[in-house]
Amino acid sequence: MVDSVARWGHGRARIVRSVGVTTLTVRPQRVRCRDCGATYVLLPTALQVRRADTTEVIGIVLAYTAKGLGFRSIGERMGRPESTGIDRAPLAAPDYW
């Protein structure tokens, strides 16, 4: 199946927040299906679809949530204002599922 896709340039450049104040600028690879012509952007495992934070940051936030911390205290520990949308905490709450 690997032969059924071909490199097709890159996706748009994205700025992603990492741990602390570090930001990463990434330009993911785009591929095109040779069979149907559809194009896909391949994200590295360090990134998640439609998220401005790295997988590492999301994991840390989920771990803090599992310990019972709220989004304000998580934001303080991560060095981010609450307005950045540390919104993964409600999704990890036991009563959510």
PDB file of N, CA and C in Angstrom:
ATOM      1  N   MET A   1       0.804  -1.210   0.000  1.00  0.00           N
ATOM      2  CA  MET A   1       0.000   0.000   0.000  1.00  0.00           C
ATOM      3  C   MET A   1       0.845   1.273   0.000  1.00  0.00           C
ATOM      4  N   VAL A   2       2.068   1.186   0.467  1.00  0.00           N
ATOM      5  CA  VAL A   2       2.912   2.374   0.516  1.00  0.00           C
ATOM      6  C   VAL A   2       3.155   2.916  -0.884  1.00  0.00           C
ATOM      7  N   ASP A   3       3.173   2.036  -1.890  1.00  0.00           N
ATOM      8  CA  ASP A   3       3.414   2.476  -3.257  1.00  0.00           C
ATOM      9  C   ASP A   3       2.231   3.213  -3.861  1.00  0.00           C
ATOM     10  N   SER A   4       1.077   3.180  -3.203  1.00  0.00           N
ATOM     11  CA  SER A   4      -0.105   3.812  -3.782  1.00  0.00           C
ATOM     12  C   SER A   4      -0.208   5.303  -3.479  1.00  0.00           C
ATOM     13  N   VAL A   5       0.758   5.851  -2.752  1.00  0.00           N
ATOM     14  CA  VAL A   5       0.778   7.298  -2.516  1.00  0.00           C
ATOM     15  C   VAL A   5       2.104   7.871  -3.007  1.00  0.00           C
ATOM     16  N   ALA A   6       2.058   9.136  -3.396  1.00  0.00           N
ATOM     17  CA  ALA A   6       3.263   9.820  -3.863  1.00  0.00           C
ATOM     18  C   ALA A   6       3.370  11.167  -3.161  1.00  0.00           C
ATOM     19  N   ARG A   7       4.576  11.618  -2.942  1.00  0.00           N
ATOM     20  CA  ARG A   7       4.760  12.938  -2.333  1.00  0.00           C
ATOM     21  C   ARG A   7       4.099  13.990  -3.209  1.00  0.00           C
ATOM     22  N   TRP A   8       3.495  14.982  -2.543  1.00  0.00           N
ATOM     23  CA  TRP A   8       2.741  16.000  -3.260  1.00  0.00           C
ATOM     24  C   TRP A   8       2.945  17.353  -2.581  1.00  0.00           C
ATOM     25  N   GLY A   9       4.176  17.694  -2.296  1.00  0.00           N
ATOM     26  CA  GLY A   9       4.466  18.976  -1.665  1.00  0.00           C
ATOM     27  C   GLY A   9       4.310  18.924  -0.160  1.00  0.00           C
ATOM     28  N   HIS A  10       3.882  20.054   0.391  1.00  0.00           N
ATOM     29  CA  HIS A  10       3.735  20.179   1.835  1.00  0.00           C
ATOM     30  C   HIS A  10       2.413  20.849   2.166  1.00  0.00           C
ATOM     31  N   GLY A  11       1.954  20.617   3.391  1.00  0.00           N
ATOM     32  CA  GLY A  11       0.806  21.338   3.915  1.00  0.00           C
ATOM     33  C   GLY A  11       1.249  22.729   4.348  1.00  0.00           C
ATOM     34  N   ARG A  12       0.321  23.528   4.822  1.00  0.00           N
ATOM     35  CA  ARG A  12       0.676  24.881   5.260  1.00  0.00           C
ATOM     36  C   ARG A  12       1.525  24.820   6.525  1.00  0.00           C
ATOM     37  N   ALA A  13       2.358  25.817   6.703  1.00  0.00           N
ATOM     38  CA  ALA A  13       3.186  25.893   7.913  1.00  0.00           C
ATOM     39  C   ALA A  13       2.285  26.153   9.115  1.00  0.00           C
ATOM     40  N   ARG A  14       2.581  25.484  10.215  1.00  0.00           N
ATOM     41  CA  ARG A  14       1.802  25.633  11.441  1.00  0.00           C
ATOM     42  C   ARG A  14       2.742  25.957  12.586  1.00  0.00           C
ATOM     43  N   ILE A  15       2.273  26.804  13.489  1.00  0.00           N
ATOM     44  CA  ILE A  15       3.020  27.082  14.711  1.00  0.00           C
ATOM     45  C   ILE A  15       2.332  26.310  15.824  1.00  0.00           C
ATOM     46  N   VAL A  16       3.092  25.456  16.488  1.00  0.00           N
ATOM     47  CA  VAL A  16       2.549  24.575  17.517  1.00  0.00           C
ATOM     48  C   VAL A  16       3.269  24.856  18.825  1.00  0.00           C
ATOM     49  N   ARG A  17       2.504  24.927  19.924  1.00  0.00           N
ATOM     50  CA  ARG A  17       3.091  25.178  21.243  1.00  0.00           C
ATOM     51  C   ARG A  17       3.624  23.884  21.827  1.00  0.00           C
ATOM     52  N   SER A  18       4.825  23.971  22.374  1.00  0.00           N
ATOM     53  CA  SER A  18       5.423  22.830  23.052  1.00  0.00           C
ATOM     54  C   SER A  18       5.447  23.131  24.543  1.00  0.00           C
ATOM     55  N   VAL A  19       6.171  22.344  25.315  1.00  0.00           N
ATOM     56  CA  VAL A  19       6.251  22.536  26.760  1.00  0.00           C
ATOM     57  C   VAL A  19       6.919  23.876  27.059  1.00  0.00           C
ATOM     58  N   GLY A  20       6.395  24.581  28.068  1.00  0.00           N
ATOM     59  CA  GLY A  20       6.939  25.893  28.427  1.00  0.00           C
ATOM     60  C   GLY A  20       6.531  26.939  27.407  1.00  0.00           C
ATOM     61  N   VAL A  21       7.465  27.794  27.046  1.00  0.00           N
ATOM     62  CA  VAL A  21       7.169  28.852  26.081  1.00  0.00           C
ATOM     63  C   VAL A  21       7.689  28.512  24.689  1.00  0.00           C
ATOM     64  N   THR A  22       8.166  27.297  24.525  1.00  0.00           N
ATOM     65  CA  THR A  22       8.724  26.872  23.244  1.00  0.00           C
ATOM     66  C   THR A  22       7.626  26.696  22.200  1.00  0.00           C
ATOM     67  N   THR A  23       7.875  27.201  21.001  1.00  0.00           N
ATOM     68  CA  THR A  23       6.968  26.956  19.883  1.00  0.00           C
ATOM     69  C   THR A  23       7.746  26.286  18.757  1.00  0.00           C
ATOM     70  N   LEU A  24       7.043  25.492  17.998  1.00  0.00           N
ATOM     71  CA  LEU A  24       7.636  24.805  16.855  1.00  0.00           C
ATOM     72  C   LEU A  24       6.917  25.249  15.594  1.00  0.00           C
ATOM     73  N   THR A  25       7.658  25.480  14.541  1.00  0.00           N
ATOM     74  CA  THR A  25       7.047  25.734  13.248  1.00  0.00           C
ATOM     75  C   THR A  25       7.244  24.478  12.415  1.00  0.00           C
ATOM     76  N   VAL A  26       6.150  23.888  11.995  1.00  0.00           N
ATOM     77  CA  VAL A  26       6.216  22.647  11.229  1.00  0.00           C
ATOM     78  C   VAL A  26       5.506  22.829   9.890  1.00  0.00           C
ATOM     79  N   ARG A  27       6.000  22.149   8.908  1.00  0.00           N
ATOM     80  CA  ARG A  27       5.380  22.150   7.588  1.00  0.00           C
ATOM     81  C   ARG A  27       5.236  20.684   7.171  1.00  0.00           C
ATOM     82  N   PRO A  28       4.089  20.073   7.481  1.00  0.00           N
ATOM     83  CA  PRO A  28       3.929  18.634   7.271  1.00  0.00           C
ATOM     84  C   PRO A  28       3.920  18.233   5.791  1.00  0.00           C
ATOM     85  N   GLN A  29       4.315  17.008   5.555  1.00  0.00           N
ATOM     86  CA  GLN A  29       4.354  16.433   4.207  1.00  0.00           C
ATOM     87  C   GLN A  29       2.938  16.192   3.695  1.00  0.00           C
ATOM     88  N   ARG A  30       2.720  16.452   2.416  1.00  0.00           N
ATOM     89  CA  ARG A  30       1.446  16.138   1.768  1.00  0.00           C
ATOM     90  C   ARG A  30       1.704  14.995   0.787  1.00  0.00           C
ATOM     91  N   VAL A  31       0.760  14.058   0.706  1.00  0.00           N
ATOM     92  CA  VAL A  31       0.861  12.960  -0.256  1.00  0.00           C
ATOM     93  C   VAL A  31      -0.423  12.890  -1.075  1.00  0.00           C
ATOM     94  N   ARG A  32      -0.307  12.251  -2.236  1.00  0.00           N
ATOM     95  CA  ARG A  32      -1.462  12.098  -3.120  1.00  0.00           C
ATOM     96  C   ARG A  32      -1.651  10.622  -3.437  1.00  0.00           C
ATOM     97  N   CYS A  33      -2.879  10.162  -3.337  1.00  0.00           N
ATOM     98  CA  CYS A  33      -3.211   8.778  -3.668  1.00  0.00           C
ATOM     99  C   CYS A  33      -3.162   8.617  -5.187  1.00  0.00           C
ATOM    100  N   ARG A  34      -2.394   7.642  -5.638  1.00  0.00           N
ATOM    101  CA  ARG A  34      -2.271   7.420  -7.082  1.00  0.00           C
ATOM    102  C   ARG A  34      -3.542   6.812  -7.673  1.00  0.00           C
ATOM    103  N   ASP A  35      -4.325   6.147  -6.844  1.00  0.00           N
ATOM    104  CA  ASP A  35      -5.547   5.507  -7.338  1.00  0.00           C
ATOM    105  C   ASP A  35      -6.701   6.490  -7.508  1.00  0.00           C
ATOM    106  N   CYS A  36      -6.971   7.286  -6.459  1.00  0.00           N
ATOM    107  CA  CYS A  36      -8.151   8.154  -6.507  1.00  0.00           C
ATOM    108  C   CYS A  36      -7.819   9.637  -6.655  1.00  0.00           C
ATOM    109  N   GLY A  37      -6.563  10.025  -6.461  1.00  0.00           N
ATOM    110  CA  GLY A  37      -6.169  11.420  -6.622  1.00  0.00           C
ATOM    111  C   GLY A  37      -6.370  12.281  -5.390  1.00  0.00           C
ATOM    112  N   ALA A  38      -6.895  11.710  -4.304  1.00  0.00           N
ATOM    113  CA  ALA A  38      -7.094  12.485  -3.073  1.00  0.00           C
ATOM    114  C   ALA A  38      -5.738  12.824  -2.454  1.00  0.00           C
ATOM    115  N   THR A  39      -5.670  13.977  -1.796  1.00  0.00           N
ATOM    116  CA  THR A  39      -4.436  14.362  -1.116  1.00  0.00           C
ATOM    117  C   THR A  39      -4.642  14.319   0.389  1.00  0.00           C
ATOM    118  N   TYR A  40      -3.563  14.043   1.109  1.00  0.00           N
ATOM    119  CA  TYR A  40      -3.597  13.925   2.562  1.00  0.00           C
ATOM    120  C   TYR A  40      -2.373  14.607   3.138  1.00  0.00           C
ATOM    121  N   VAL A  41      -2.534  15.214   4.307  1.00  0.00           N
ATOM    122  CA  VAL A  41      -1.409  15.793   5.031  1.00  0.00           C
ATOM    123  C   VAL A  41      -1.014  14.795   6.109  1.00  0.00           C
ATOM    124  N   LEU A  42       0.260  14.429   6.136  1.00  0.00           N
ATOM    125  CA  LEU A  42       0.762  13.460   7.108  1.00  0.00           C
ATOM    126  C   LEU A  42       1.391  14.201   8.276  1.00  0.00           C
ATOM    127  N   LEU A  43       0.797  14.063   9.445  1.00  0.00           N
ATOM    128  CA  LEU A  43       1.326  14.723  10.632  1.00  0.00           C
ATOM    129  C   LEU A  43       2.284  13.799  11.366  1.00  0.00           C
ATOM    130  N   PRO A  44       3.388  14.348  11.885  1.00  0.00           N
ATOM    131  CA  PRO A  44       4.257  13.526  12.723  1.00  0.00           C
ATOM    132  C   PRO A  44       3.538  13.183  14.029  1.00  0.00           C
ATOM    133  N   THR A  45       4.008  12.146  14.720  1.00  0.00           N
ATOM    134  CA  THR A  45       3.336  11.707  15.945  1.00  0.00           C
ATOM    135  C   THR A  45       3.379  12.755  17.046  1.00  0.00           C
ATOM    136  N   ALA A  46       4.257  13.728  16.942  1.00  0.00           N
ATOM    137  CA  ALA A  46       4.342  14.788  17.951  1.00  0.00           C
ATOM    138  C   ALA A  46       3.193  15.781  17.831  1.00  0.00           C
ATOM    139  N   LEU A  47       2.390  15.681  16.774  1.00  0.00           N
ATOM    140  CA  LEU A  47       1.288  16.612  16.545  1.00  0.00           C
ATOM    141  C   LEU A  47      -0.038  15.869  16.492  1.00  0.00           C
ATOM    142  N   GLN A  48      -1.108  16.597  16.810  1.00  0.00           N
ATOM    143  CA  GLN A  48      -2.461  16.061  16.738  1.00  0.00           C
ATOM    144  C   GLN A  48      -3.276  16.922  15.781  1.00  0.00           C
ATOM    145  N   VAL A  49      -4.249  16.312  15.147  1.00  0.00           N
ATOM    146  CA  VAL A  49      -5.113  17.025  14.214  1.00  0.00           C
ATOM    147  C   VAL A  49      -5.865  18.136  14.940  1.00  0.00           C
ATOM    148  N   ARG A  50      -5.885  19.306  14.366  1.00  0.00           N
ATOM    149  CA  ARG A  50      -6.626  20.473  14.867  1.00  0.00           C
ATOM    150  C   ARG A  50      -6.260  20.877  16.292  1.00  0.00           C
ATOM    151  N   ARG A  51      -5.029  20.673  16.690  1.00  0.00           N
ATOM    152  CA  ARG A  51      -4.566  21.071  18.019  1.00  0.00           C
ATOM    153  C   ARG A  51      -3.357  21.974  17.887  1.00  0.00           C
ATOM    154  N   ALA A  52      -3.325  23.023  18.685  1.00  0.00           N
ATOM    155  CA  ALA A  52      -2.216  23.976  18.667  1.00  0.00           C
ATOM    156  C   ALA A  52      -1.124  23.586  19.652  1.00  0.00           C
ATOM    157  N   ASP A  53      -1.300  22.478  20.356  1.00  0.00           N
ATOM    158  CA  ASP A  53      -0.310  21.982  21.315  1.00  0.00           C
ATOM    159  C   ASP A  53       0.240  20.645  20.828  1.00  0.00           C
ATOM    160  N   THR A  54       1.470  20.338  21.230  1.00  0.00           N
ATOM    161  CA  THR A  54       2.066  19.056  20.868  1.00  0.00           C
ATOM    162  C   THR A  54       1.399  17.923  21.647  1.00  0.00           C
ATOM    163  N   THR A  55       1.619  16.708  21.197  1.00  0.00           N
ATOM    164  CA  THR A  55       1.102  15.524  21.881  1.00  0.00           C
ATOM    165  C   THR A  55       1.632  15.463  23.310  1.00  0.00           C
ATOM    166  N   GLU A  56       2.877  15.873  23.506  1.00  0.00           N
ATOM    167  CA  GLU A  56       3.472  15.877  24.846  1.00  0.00           C
ATOM    168  C   GLU A  56       2.693  16.789  25.786  1.00  0.00           C
ATOM    169  N   VAL A  57       2.359  17.988  25.329  1.00  0.00           N
ATOM    170  CA  VAL A  57       1.604  18.938  26.157  1.00  0.00           C
ATOM    171  C   VAL A  57       0.224  18.372  26.484  1.00  0.00           C
ATOM    172  N   ILE A  58      -0.440  17.801  25.505  1.00  0.00           N
ATOM    173  CA  ILE A  58      -1.768  17.231  25.732  1.00  0.00           C
ATOM    174  C   ILE A  58      -1.694  16.110  26.761  1.00  0.00           C
ATOM    175  N   GLY A  59      -0.665  15.274  26.675  1.00  0.00           N
ATOM    176  CA  GLY A  59      -0.480  14.198  27.646  1.00  0.00           C
ATOM    177  C   GLY A  59      -0.266  14.715  29.054  1.00  0.00           C
ATOM    178  N   ILE A  60       0.530  15.774  29.185  1.00  0.00           N
ATOM    179  CA  ILE A  60       0.779  16.376  30.500  1.00  0.00           C
ATOM    180  C   ILE A  60      -0.520  16.927  31.078  1.00  0.00           C
ATOM    181  N   VAL A  61      -1.294  17.616  30.243  1.00  0.00           N
ATOM    182  CA  VAL A  61      -2.571  18.179  30.697  1.00  0.00           C
ATOM    183  C   VAL A  61      -3.516  17.064  31.139  1.00  0.00           C
ATOM    184  N   LEU A  62      -3.573  15.984  30.392  1.00  0.00           N
ATOM    185  CA  LEU A  62      -4.437  14.864  30.773  1.00  0.00           C
ATOM    186  C   LEU A  62      -3.984  14.229  32.083  1.00  0.00           C
ATOM    187  N   ALA A  63      -2.673  14.145  32.296  1.00  0.00           N
ATOM    188  CA  ALA A  63      -2.157  13.592  33.556  1.00  0.00           C
ATOM    189  C   ALA A  63      -2.541  14.493  34.728  1.00  0.00           C
ATOM    190  N   TYR A  64      -2.418  15.815  34.558  1.00  0.00           N
ATOM    191  CA  TYR A  64      -2.827  16.746  35.612  1.00  0.00           C
ATOM    192  C   TYR A  64      -4.323  16.618  35.892  1.00  0.00           C
ATOM    193  N   THR A  65      -5.109  16.439  34.842  1.00  0.00           N
ATOM    194  CA  THR A  65      -6.552  16.288  35.008  1.00  0.00           C
ATOM    195  C   THR A  65      -6.874  15.018  35.784  1.00  0.00           C
ATOM    196  N   ALA A  66      -6.153  13.950  35.487  1.00  0.00           N
ATOM    197  CA  ALA A  66      -6.370  12.687  36.201  1.00  0.00           C
ATOM    198  C   ALA A  66      -6.044  12.829  37.681  1.00  0.00           C
ATOM    199  N   LYS A  67      -5.163  13.765  38.016  1.00  0.00           N
ATOM    200  CA  LYS A  67      -4.824  14.024  39.418  1.00  0.00           C
ATOM    201  C   LYS A  67      -5.852  14.930  40.087  1.00  0.00           C
ATOM    202  N   GLY A  68      -6.833  15.402  39.315  1.00  0.00           N
ATOM    203  CA  GLY A  68      -7.899  16.206  39.883  1.00  0.00           C
ATOM    204  C   GLY A  68      -7.710  17.710  39.787  1.00  0.00           C
ATOM    205  N   LEU A  69      -6.716  18.171  39.051  1.00  0.00           N
ATOM    206  CA  LEU A  69      -6.500  19.612  38.922  1.00  0.00           C
ATOM    207  C   LEU A  69      -7.498  20.212  37.941  1.00  0.00           C
ATOM    208  N   GLY A  70      -7.892  21.455  38.181  1.00  0.00           N
ATOM    209  CA  GLY A  70      -8.788  22.173  37.288  1.00  0.00           C
ATOM    210  C   GLY A  70      -8.018  22.904  36.207  1.00  0.00           C
ATOM    211  N   PHE A  71      -8.753  23.471  35.228  1.00  0.00           N
ATOM    212  CA  PHE A  71      -8.078  24.087  34.094  1.00  0.00           C
ATOM    213  C   PHE A  71      -7.277  25.325  34.477  1.00  0.00           C
ATOM    214  N   ARG A  72      -7.695  26.045  35.523  1.00  0.00           N
ATOM    215  CA  ARG A  72      -6.927  27.226  35.938  1.00  0.00           C
ATOM    216  C   ARG A  72      -5.568  26.835  36.510  1.00  0.00           C
ATOM    217  N   SER A  73      -5.561  25.848  37.407  1.00  0.00           N
ATOM    218  CA  SER A  73      -4.288  25.427  37.993  1.00  0.00           C
ATOM    219  C   SER A  73      -3.407  24.724  36.960  1.00  0.00           C
ATOM    220  N   ILE A  74      -4.020  24.021  36.024  1.00  0.00           N
ATOM    221  CA  ILE A  74      -3.235  23.404  34.947  1.00  0.00           C
ATOM    222  C   ILE A  74      -2.599  24.495  34.090  1.00  0.00           C
ATOM    223  N   GLY A  75      -3.371  25.518  33.759  1.00  0.00           N
ATOM    224  CA  GLY A  75      -2.838  26.638  32.982  1.00  0.00           C
ATOM    225  C   GLY A  75      -1.671  27.310  33.678  1.00  0.00           C
ATOM    226  N   GLU A  76      -1.781  27.483  34.994  1.00  0.00           N
ATOM    227  CA  GLU A  76      -0.683  28.082  35.760  1.00  0.00           C
ATOM    228  C   GLU A  76       0.560  27.201  35.709  1.00  0.00           C
ATOM    229  N   ARG A  77       0.381  25.902  35.910  1.00  0.00           N
ATOM    230  CA  ARG A  77       1.526  24.976  35.885  1.00  0.00           C
ATOM    231  C   ARG A  77       2.169  24.901  34.506  1.00  0.00           C
ATOM    232  N   MET A  78       1.361  25.036  33.472  1.00  0.00           N
ATOM    233  CA  MET A  78       1.887  24.963  32.111  1.00  0.00           C
ATOM    234  C   MET A  78       2.425  26.314  31.634  1.00  0.00           C
ATOM    235  N   GLY A  79       2.204  27.367  32.451  1.00  0.00           N
ATOM    236  CA  GLY A  79       2.687  28.692  32.069  1.00  0.00           C
ATOM    237  C   GLY A  79       1.871  29.327  30.962  1.00  0.00           C
ATOM    238  N   ARG A  80       0.574  29.032  30.962  1.00  0.00           N
ATOM    239  CA  ARG A  80      -0.304  29.555  29.917  1.00  0.00           C
ATOM    240  C   ARG A  80      -1.531  30.202  30.544  1.00  0.00           C
ATOM    241  N   PRO A  81      -2.007  31.284  29.950  1.00  0.00           N
ATOM    242  CA  PRO A  81      -3.259  31.862  30.446  1.00  0.00           C
ATOM    243  C   PRO A  81      -4.428  30.934  30.107  1.00  0.00           C
ATOM    244  N   GLU A  82      -5.502  31.030  30.887  1.00  0.00           N
ATOM    245  CA  GLU A  82      -6.647  30.161  30.623  1.00  0.00           C
ATOM    246  C   GLU A  82      -7.251  30.425  29.258  1.00  0.00           C
ATOM    247  N   SER A  83      -7.023  31.613  28.708  1.00  0.00           N
ATOM    248  CA  SER A  83      -7.596  31.949  27.404  1.00  0.00           C
ATOM    249  C   SER A  83      -6.983  31.145  26.260  1.00  0.00           C
ATOM    250  N   THR A  84      -5.880  30.407  26.519  1.00  0.00           N
ATOM    251  CA  THR A  84      -5.284  29.600  25.450  1.00  0.00           C
ATOM    252  C   THR A  84      -6.091  28.350  25.173  1.00  0.00           C
ATOM    253  N   GLY A  85      -7.085  28.101  25.983  1.00  0.00           N
ATOM    254  CA  GLY A  85      -7.975  26.980  25.713  1.00  0.00           C
ATOM    255  C   GLY A  85      -7.448  25.644  26.179  1.00  0.00           C
ATOM    256  N   ILE A  86      -6.973  25.584  27.407  1.00  0.00           N
ATOM    257  CA  ILE A  86      -6.589  24.291  27.973  1.00  0.00           C
ATOM    258  C   ILE A  86      -7.913  23.580  28.233  1.00  0.00           C
ATOM    259  N   ASP A  87      -8.502  23.080  27.158  1.00  0.00           N
ATOM    260  CA  ASP A  87      -9.860  22.539  27.234  1.00  0.00           C
ATOM    261  C   ASP A  87      -9.906  21.022  27.167  1.00  0.00           C
ATOM    262  N   ARG A  88      -8.772  20.358  27.326  1.00  0.00           N
ATOM    263  CA  ARG A  88      -8.787  18.909  27.294  1.00  0.00           C
ATOM    264  C   ARG A  88      -9.217  18.332  28.634  1.00  0.00           C
ATOM    265  N   ALA A  89      -9.141  19.130  29.681  1.00  0.00           N
ATOM    266  CA  ALA A  89      -9.485  18.653  31.019  1.00  0.00           C
ATOM    267  C   ALA A  89     -10.923  18.121  31.098  1.00  0.00           C
ATOM    268  N   PRO A  90     -11.935  18.825  30.579  1.00  0.00           N
ATOM    269  CA  PRO A  90     -13.293  18.281  30.681  1.00  0.00           C
ATOM    270  C   PRO A  90     -13.443  16.943  29.961  1.00  0.00           C
ATOM    271  N   LEU A  91     -12.700  16.731  28.880  1.00  0.00           N
ATOM    272  CA  LEU A  91     -12.810  15.479  28.134  1.00  0.00           C
ATOM    273  C   LEU A  91     -12.259  14.296  28.914  1.00  0.00           C
ATOM    274  N   ALA A  92     -11.349  14.561  29.847  1.00  0.00           N
ATOM    275  CA  ALA A  92     -10.747  13.474  30.608  1.00  0.00           C
ATOM    276  C   ALA A  92     -11.461  13.225  31.931  1.00  0.00           C
ATOM    277  N   ALA A  93     -12.415  14.067  32.274  1.00  0.00           N
ATOM    278  CA  ALA A  93     -13.125  13.912  33.543  1.00  0.00           C
ATOM    279  C   ALA A  93     -13.918  12.604  33.543  1.00  0.00           C
ATOM    280  N   PRO A  94     -13.910  11.883  34.672  1.00  0.00           N
ATOM    281  CA  PRO A  94     -14.604  10.590  34.735  1.00  0.00           C
ATOM    282  C   PRO A  94     -16.093  10.683  34.415  1.00  0.00           C
ATOM    283  N   ASP A  95     -16.741  11.785  34.793  1.00  0.00           N
ATOM    284  CA  ASP A  95     -18.180  11.892  34.545  1.00  0.00           C
ATOM    285  C   ASP A  95     -18.499  12.252  33.093  1.00  0.00           C
ATOM    286  N   TYR A  96     -17.477  12.569  32.300  1.00  0.00           N
ATOM    287  CA  TYR A  96     -17.696  12.874  30.880  1.00  0.00           C
ATOM    288  C   TYR A  96     -18.107  11.627  30.119  1.00  0.00           C
ATOM    289  N   TRP A  97     -17.513  10.504  30.477  1.00  0.00           N
ATOM    290  CA  TRP A  97     -17.766   9.258  29.755  1.00  0.00           C
ATOM    291  C   TRP A  97     -18.955   8.569  30.358  1.00  0.00           C
TER     292      TRP A  97
END
